[in-house]
Amino acid sequence: MKSLQDYTIVIHPNDNSTFVAYVPAILGCHAWGQTLDEAHAEITNVFEMIQEEYAEEGLVMPEDVELVIVNAS
């Protein structure tokens, strides 16, 4: 069974002084927190709920995706 460590997690600061976290490979796997640590803890909780749903429905968790980061000119 895959764990969160098998996926790329993106955490970035938001405009309102919070942090947004998401797993690009998994639709709906996103969370936020007041701090970086809170956002990471919340994305962990969301991932575990999604993983449980996949298991209950007999689905296979998706493969991770490769991210490409580009700065706009």
PDB file of N, CA and C in Angstrom:
ATOM      1  N   MET A   1       0.834  -1.179   0.000  1.00  0.00           N
ATOM      2  CA  MET A   1       0.000   0.000   0.000  1.00  0.00           C
ATOM      3  C   MET A   1       0.884   1.251   0.000  1.00  0.00           C
ATOM      4  N   LYS A   2       0.514   2.219  -0.813  1.00  0.00           N
ATOM      5  CA  LYS A   2       1.294   3.451  -0.904  1.00  0.00           C
ATOM      6  C   LYS A   2       1.091   4.311   0.341  1.00  0.00           C
ATOM      7  N   SER A   3       2.127   5.073   0.658  1.00  0.00           N
ATOM      8  CA  SER A   3       2.031   6.017   1.763  1.00  0.00           C
ATOM      9  C   SER A   3       2.255   7.421   1.214  1.00  0.00           C
ATOM     10  N   LEU A   4       2.042   8.402   2.040  1.00  0.00           N
ATOM     11  CA  LEU A   4       2.223   9.780   1.606  1.00  0.00           C
ATOM     12  C   LEU A   4       3.654  10.040   1.155  1.00  0.00           C
ATOM     13  N   GLN A   5       4.608   9.306   1.703  1.00  0.00           N
ATOM     14  CA  GLN A   5       6.006   9.485   1.321  1.00  0.00           C
ATOM     15  C   GLN A   5       6.265   9.061  -0.126  1.00  0.00           C
ATOM     16  N   ASP A   6       5.324   8.340  -0.731  1.00  0.00           N
ATOM     17  CA  ASP A   6       5.463   7.922  -2.123  1.00  0.00           C
ATOM     18  C   ASP A   6       5.045   9.014  -3.107  1.00  0.00           C
ATOM     19  N   TYR A   7       4.559  10.134  -2.577  1.00  0.00           N
ATOM     20  CA  TYR A   7       4.019  11.190  -3.423  1.00  0.00           C
ATOM     21  C   TYR A   7       4.751  12.516  -3.230  1.00  0.00           C
ATOM     22  N   THR A   8       4.702  13.317  -4.278  1.00  0.00           N
ATOM     23  CA  THR A   8       5.187  14.679  -4.203  1.00  0.00           C
ATOM     24  C   THR A   8       4.135  15.514  -3.494  1.00  0.00           C
ATOM     25  N   ILE A   9       4.561  16.262  -2.488  1.00  0.00           N
ATOM     26  CA  ILE A   9       3.671  17.170  -1.761  1.00  0.00           C
ATOM     27  C   ILE A   9       4.155  18.587  -2.046  1.00  0.00           C
ATOM     28  N   VAL A  10       3.228  19.454  -2.397  1.00  0.00           N
ATOM     29  CA  VAL A  10       3.554  20.854  -2.619  1.00  0.00           C
ATOM     30  C   VAL A  10       2.944  21.654  -1.471  1.00  0.00           C
ATOM     31  N   ILE A  11       3.762  22.446  -0.810  1.00  0.00           N
ATOM     32  CA  ILE A  11       3.276  23.342   0.240  1.00  0.00           C
ATOM     33  C   ILE A  11       3.826  24.728  -0.070  1.00  0.00           C
ATOM     34  N   HIS A  12       2.925  25.690  -0.139  1.00  0.00           N
ATOM     35  CA  HIS A  12       3.375  27.050  -0.439  1.00  0.00           C
ATOM     36  C   HIS A  12       2.586  28.062   0.389  1.00  0.00           C
ATOM     37  N   PRO A  13       3.194  29.223   0.642  1.00  0.00           N
ATOM     38  CA  PRO A  13       2.483  30.264   1.383  1.00  0.00           C
ATOM     39  C   PRO A  13       1.347  30.831   0.532  1.00  0.00           C
ATOM     40  N   ASN A  14       0.265  31.176   1.196  1.00  0.00           N
ATOM     41  CA  ASN A  14      -0.895  31.761   0.538  1.00  0.00           C
ATOM     42  C   ASN A  14      -0.912  33.266   0.803  1.00  0.00           C
ATOM     43  N   ASP A  15      -1.718  33.993   0.068  1.00  0.00           N
ATOM     44  CA  ASP A  15      -1.779  35.447   0.217  1.00  0.00           C
ATOM     45  C   ASP A  15      -2.257  35.897   1.597  1.00  0.00           C
ATOM     46  N   ASN A  16      -3.012  35.057   2.290  1.00  0.00           N
ATOM     47  CA  ASN A  16      -3.583  35.460   3.576  1.00  0.00           C
ATOM     48  C   ASN A  16      -2.776  34.944   4.774  1.00  0.00           C
ATOM     49  N   SER A  17      -1.483  34.779   4.599  1.00  0.00           N
ATOM     50  CA  SER A  17      -0.559  34.352   5.668  1.00  0.00           C
ATOM     51  C   SER A  17      -0.836  32.947   6.184  1.00  0.00           C
ATOM     52  N   THR A  18      -1.377  32.088   5.325  1.00  0.00           N
ATOM     53  CA  THR A  18      -1.537  30.673   5.647  1.00  0.00           C
ATOM     54  C   THR A  18      -0.700  29.876   4.662  1.00  0.00           C
ATOM     55  N   PHE A  19      -0.725  28.563   4.804  1.00  0.00           N
ATOM     56  CA  PHE A  19      -0.001  27.682   3.894  1.00  0.00           C
ATOM     57  C   PHE A  19      -0.982  26.705   3.262  1.00  0.00           C
ATOM     58  N   VAL A  20      -0.823  26.497   1.966  1.00  0.00           N
ATOM     59  CA  VAL A  20      -1.642  25.554   1.215  1.00  0.00           C
ATOM     60  C   VAL A  20      -0.783  24.345   0.881  1.00  0.00           C
ATOM     61  N   ALA A  21      -1.366  23.155   1.073  1.00  0.00           N
ATOM     62  CA  ALA A  21      -0.650  21.912   0.757  1.00  0.00           C
ATOM     63  C   ALA A  21      -1.521  21.077  -0.171  1.00  0.00           C
ATOM     64  N   TYR A  22      -0.878  20.412  -1.125  1.00  0.00           N
ATOM     65  CA  TYR A  22      -1.632  19.500  -1.982  1.00  0.00           C
ATOM     66  C   TYR A  22      -0.717  18.431  -2.570  1.00  0.00           C
ATOM     67  N   VAL A  23      -1.358  17.354  -2.993  1.00  0.00           N
ATOM     68  CA  VAL A  23      -0.670  16.251  -3.664  1.00  0.00           C
ATOM     69  C   VAL A  23      -1.168  16.270  -5.105  1.00  0.00           C
ATOM     70  N   PRO A  24      -0.342  16.733  -6.049  1.00  0.00           N
ATOM     71  CA  PRO A  24      -0.794  16.886  -7.431  1.00  0.00           C
ATOM     72  C   PRO A  24      -1.342  15.608  -8.074  1.00  0.00           C
ATOM     73  N   ALA A  25      -0.863  14.464  -7.657  1.00  0.00           N
ATOM     74  CA  ALA A  25      -1.278  13.200  -8.279  1.00  0.00           C
ATOM     75  C   ALA A  25      -2.674  12.751  -7.854  1.00  0.00           C
ATOM     76  N   ILE A  26      -3.201  13.329  -6.757  1.00  0.00           N
ATOM     77  CA  ILE A  26      -4.463  12.832  -6.201  1.00  0.00           C
ATOM     78  C   ILE A  26      -5.489  13.960  -6.174  1.00  0.00           C
ATOM     79  N   LEU A  27      -6.489  13.837  -7.021  1.00  0.00           N
ATOM     80  CA  LEU A  27      -7.554  14.821  -7.101  1.00  0.00           C
ATOM     81  C   LEU A  27      -8.223  14.984  -5.735  1.00  0.00           C
ATOM     82  N   GLY A  28      -8.347  16.199  -5.275  1.00  0.00           N
ATOM     83  CA  GLY A  28      -9.016  16.471  -4.006  1.00  0.00           C
ATOM     84  C   GLY A  28      -8.138  16.363  -2.781  1.00  0.00           C
ATOM     85  N   CYS A  29      -6.876  16.047  -2.959  1.00  0.00           N
ATOM     86  CA  CYS A  29      -5.973  15.911  -1.817  1.00  0.00           C
ATOM     87  C   CYS A  29      -5.276  17.243  -1.582  1.00  0.00           C
ATOM     88  N   HIS A  30      -5.966  18.110  -0.841  1.00  0.00           N
ATOM     89  CA  HIS A  30      -5.430  19.425  -0.541  1.00  0.00           C
ATOM     90  C   HIS A  30      -5.872  19.853   0.841  1.00  0.00           C
ATOM     91  N   ALA A  31      -5.103  20.747   1.448  1.00  0.00           N
ATOM     92  CA  ALA A  31      -5.385  21.206   2.804  1.00  0.00           C
ATOM     93  C   ALA A  31      -4.671  22.534   3.023  1.00  0.00           C
ATOM     94  N   TRP A  32      -4.899  23.132   4.173  1.00  0.00           N
ATOM     95  CA  TRP A  32      -4.204  24.367   4.522  1.00  0.00           C
ATOM     96  C   TRP A  32      -3.973  24.403   6.017  1.00  0.00           C
ATOM     97  N   GLY A  33      -3.091  25.287   6.433  1.00  0.00           N
ATOM     98  CA  GLY A  33      -2.819  25.465   7.849  1.00  0.00           C
ATOM     99  C   GLY A  33      -2.259  26.844   8.109  1.00  0.00           C
ATOM    100  N   GLN A  34      -2.301  27.257   9.361  1.00  0.00           N
ATOM    101  CA  GLN A  34      -1.759  28.556   9.751  1.00  0.00           C
ATOM    102  C   GLN A  34      -0.231  28.570   9.641  1.00  0.00           C
ATOM    103  N   THR A  35       0.380  27.402   9.796  1.00  0.00           N
ATOM    104  CA  THR A  35       1.837  27.276   9.710  1.00  0.00           C
ATOM    105  C   THR A  35       2.177  26.165   8.728  1.00  0.00           C
ATOM    106  N   LEU A  36       3.437  26.089   8.357  1.00  0.00           N
ATOM    107  CA  LEU A  36       3.908  25.020   7.487  1.00  0.00           C
ATOM    108  C   LEU A  36       3.642  23.652   8.114  1.00  0.00           C
ATOM    109  N   ASP A  37       3.922  23.531   9.413  1.00  0.00           N
ATOM    110  CA  ASP A  37       3.699  22.257  10.106  1.00  0.00           C
ATOM    111  C   ASP A  37       2.222  21.878  10.150  1.00  0.00           C
ATOM    112  N   GLU A  38       1.347  22.866  10.371  1.00  0.00           N
ATOM    113  CA  GLU A  38      -0.088  22.581  10.380  1.00  0.00           C
ATOM    114  C   GLU A  38      -0.568  22.121   9.006  1.00  0.00           C
ATOM    115  N   ALA A  39      -0.085  22.772   7.962  1.00  0.00           N
ATOM    116  CA  ALA A  39      -0.476  22.380   6.604  1.00  0.00           C
ATOM    117  C   ALA A  39      -0.013  20.961   6.310  1.00  0.00           C
ATOM    118  N   HIS A  40       1.186  20.618   6.745  1.00  0.00           N
ATOM    119  CA  HIS A  40       1.700  19.260   6.534  1.00  0.00           C
ATOM    120  C   HIS A  40       0.869  18.246   7.317  1.00  0.00           C
ATOM    121  N   ALA A  41       0.522  18.561   8.549  1.00  0.00           N
ATOM    122  CA  ALA A  41      -0.302  17.658   9.360  1.00  0.00           C
ATOM    123  C   ALA A  41      -1.682  17.469   8.729  1.00  0.00           C
ATOM    124  N   GLU A  42      -2.254  18.538   8.216  1.00  0.00           N
ATOM    125  CA  GLU A  42      -3.579  18.452   7.602  1.00  0.00           C
ATOM    126  C   GLU A  42      -3.554  17.651   6.305  1.00  0.00           C
ATOM    127  N   ILE A  43      -2.512  17.830   5.472  1.00  0.00           N
ATOM    128  CA  ILE A  43      -2.438  17.062   4.229  1.00  0.00           C
ATOM    129  C   ILE A  43      -2.250  15.586   4.538  1.00  0.00           C
ATOM    130  N   THR A  44      -1.578  15.288   5.631  1.00  0.00           N
ATOM    131  CA  THR A  44      -1.429  13.897   6.066  1.00  0.00           C
ATOM    132  C   THR A  44      -2.796  13.310   6.410  1.00  0.00           C
ATOM    133  N   ASN A  45      -3.612  14.061   7.143  1.00  0.00           N
ATOM    134  CA  ASN A  45      -4.957  13.593   7.506  1.00  0.00           C
ATOM    135  C   ASN A  45      -5.832  13.394   6.273  1.00  0.00           C
ATOM    136  N   VAL A  46      -5.783  14.354   5.355  1.00  0.00           N
ATOM    137  CA  VAL A  46      -6.587  14.246   4.132  1.00  0.00           C
ATOM    138  C   VAL A  46      -6.140  13.039   3.311  1.00  0.00           C
ATOM    139  N   PHE A  47      -4.831  12.850   3.183  1.00  0.00           N
ATOM    140  CA  PHE A  47      -4.317  11.705   2.440  1.00  0.00           C
ATOM    141  C   PHE A  47      -4.830  10.397   3.038  1.00  0.00           C
ATOM    142  N   GLU A  48      -4.786  10.285   4.360  1.00  0.00           N
ATOM    143  CA  GLU A  48      -5.250   9.052   5.022  1.00  0.00           C
ATOM    144  C   GLU A  48      -6.724   8.809   4.772  1.00  0.00           C
ATOM    145  N   MET A  49      -7.552   9.859   4.763  1.00  0.00           N
ATOM    146  CA  MET A  49      -8.978   9.689   4.467  1.00  0.00           C
ATOM    147  C   MET A  49      -9.183   9.229   3.026  1.00  0.00           C
ATOM    148  N   ILE A  50      -8.459   9.839   2.097  1.00  0.00           N
ATOM    149  CA  ILE A  50      -8.586   9.449   0.694  1.00  0.00           C
ATOM    150  C   ILE A  50      -8.103   8.015   0.496  1.00  0.00           C
ATOM    151  N   GLN A  51      -7.006   7.664   1.132  1.00  0.00           N
ATOM    152  CA  GLN A  51      -6.474   6.309   1.030  1.00  0.00           C
ATOM    153  C   GLN A  51      -7.507   5.292   1.535  1.00  0.00           C
ATOM    154  N   GLU A  52      -8.184   5.626   2.614  1.00  0.00           N
ATOM    155  CA  GLU A  52      -9.224   4.758   3.171  1.00  0.00           C
ATOM    156  C   GLU A  52     -10.382   4.604   2.184  1.00  0.00           C
ATOM    157  N   GLU A  53     -10.794   5.697   1.552  1.00  0.00           N
ATOM    158  CA  GLU A  53     -11.866   5.649   0.558  1.00  0.00           C
ATOM    159  C   GLU A  53     -11.479   4.763  -0.626  1.00  0.00           C
ATOM    160  N   TYR A  54     -10.259   4.911  -1.107  1.00  0.00           N
ATOM    161  CA  TYR A  54      -9.790   4.073  -2.217  1.00  0.00           C
ATOM    162  C   TYR A  54      -9.850   2.601  -1.817  1.00  0.00           C
ATOM    163  N   ALA A  55      -9.393   2.280  -0.604  1.00  0.00           N
ATOM    164  CA  ALA A  55      -9.384   0.894  -0.139  1.00  0.00           C
ATOM    165  C   ALA A  55     -10.808   0.348  -0.029  1.00  0.00           C
ATOM    166  N   GLU A  56     -11.727   1.142   0.511  1.00  0.00           N
ATOM    167  CA  GLU A  56     -13.125   0.704   0.656  1.00  0.00           C
ATOM    168  C   GLU A  56     -13.769   0.434  -0.690  1.00  0.00           C
ATOM    169  N   GLU A  57     -13.376   1.199  -1.704  1.00  0.00           N
ATOM    170  CA  GLU A  57     -13.954   1.045  -3.038  1.00  0.00           C
ATOM    171  C   GLU A  57     -13.158   0.086  -3.920  1.00  0.00           C
ATOM    172  N   GLY A  58     -12.093  -0.481  -3.367  1.00  0.00           N
ATOM    173  CA  GLY A  58     -11.280  -1.431  -4.115  1.00  0.00           C
ATOM    174  C   GLY A  58     -10.470  -0.787  -5.227  1.00  0.00           C
ATOM    175  N   LEU A  59     -10.162   0.474  -5.081  1.00  0.00           N
ATOM    176  CA  LEU A  59      -9.403   1.197  -6.108  1.00  0.00           C
ATOM    177  C   LEU A  59      -7.921   1.217  -5.768  1.00  0.00           C
ATOM    178  N   VAL A  60      -7.105   1.385  -6.785  1.00  0.00           N
ATOM    179  CA  VAL A  60      -5.657   1.481  -6.617  1.00  0.00           C
ATOM    180  C   VAL A  60      -5.289   2.956  -6.581  1.00  0.00           C
ATOM    181  N   MET A  61      -4.456   3.321  -5.621  1.00  0.00           N
ATOM    182  CA  MET A  61      -4.006   4.708  -5.531  1.00  0.00           C
ATOM    183  C   MET A  61      -3.226   5.063  -6.802  1.00  0.00           C
ATOM    184  N   PRO A  62      -3.375   6.300  -7.299  1.00  0.00           N
ATOM    185  CA  PRO A  62      -2.677   6.692  -8.529  1.00  0.00           C
ATOM    186  C   PRO A  62      -1.167   6.776  -8.320  1.00  0.00           C
ATOM    187  N   GLU A  63      -0.462   6.739  -9.425  1.00  0.00           N
ATOM    188  CA  GLU A  63       0.987   6.917  -9.405  1.00  0.00           C
ATOM    189  C   GLU A  63       1.302   8.397  -9.182  1.00  0.00           C
ATOM    190  N   ASP A  64       2.472   8.663  -8.649  1.00  0.00           N
ATOM    191  CA  ASP A  64       2.904  10.032  -8.463  1.00  0.00           C
ATOM    192  C   ASP A  64       3.128  10.679  -9.831  1.00  0.00           C
ATOM    193  N   VAL A  65       3.128  11.995  -9.857  1.00  0.00           N
ATOM    194  CA  VAL A  65       3.383  12.722 -11.091  1.00  0.00           C
ATOM    195  C   VAL A  65       4.684  13.498 -10.948  1.00  0.00           C
ATOM    196  N   GLU A  66       5.286  13.785 -12.077  1.00  0.00           N
ATOM    197  CA  GLU A  66       6.505  14.599 -12.072  1.00  0.00           C
ATOM    198  C   GLU A  66       6.107  16.049 -12.239  1.00  0.00           C
ATOM    199  N   LEU A  67       6.632  16.892 -11.382  1.00  0.00           N
ATOM    200  CA  LEU A  67       6.322  18.315 -11.464  1.00  0.00           C
ATOM    201  C   LEU A  67       7.405  19.056 -12.218  1.00  0.00           C
ATOM    202  N   VAL A  68       6.998  20.036 -12.972  1.00  0.00           N
ATOM    203  CA  VAL A  68       7.916  20.924 -13.652  1.00  0.00           C
ATOM    204  C   VAL A  68       7.591  22.327 -13.147  1.00  0.00           C
ATOM    205  N   ILE A  69       8.583  22.993 -12.612  1.00  0.00           N
ATOM    206  CA  ILE A  69       8.379  24.333 -12.071  1.00  0.00           C
ATOM    207  C   ILE A  69       8.974  25.339 -13.031  1.00  0.00           C
ATOM    208  N   VAL A  70       8.159  26.278 -13.443  1.00  0.00           N
ATOM    209  CA  VAL A  70       8.595  27.290 -14.400  1.00  0.00           C
ATOM    210  C   VAL A  70       8.242  28.652 -13.852  1.00  0.00           C
ATOM    211  N   ASN A  71       9.163  29.567 -13.894  1.00  0.00           N
ATOM    212  CA  ASN A  71       8.890  30.943 -13.500  1.00  0.00           C
ATOM    213  C   ASN A  71       8.409  31.700 -14.724  1.00  0.00           C
ATOM    214  N   ALA A  72       7.295  32.394 -14.573  1.00  0.00           N
ATOM    215  CA  ALA A  72       6.763  33.197 -15.680  1.00  0.00           C
ATOM    216  C   ALA A  72       7.667  34.400 -15.905  1.00  0.00           C
ATOM    217  N   SER A  73       7.856  34.722 -17.163  1.00  0.00           N
ATOM    218  CA  SER A  73       8.709  35.880 -17.482  1.00  0.00           C
ATOM    219  C   SER A  73       7.878  37.106 -17.699  1.00  0.00           C
TER     220      SER A  73
END
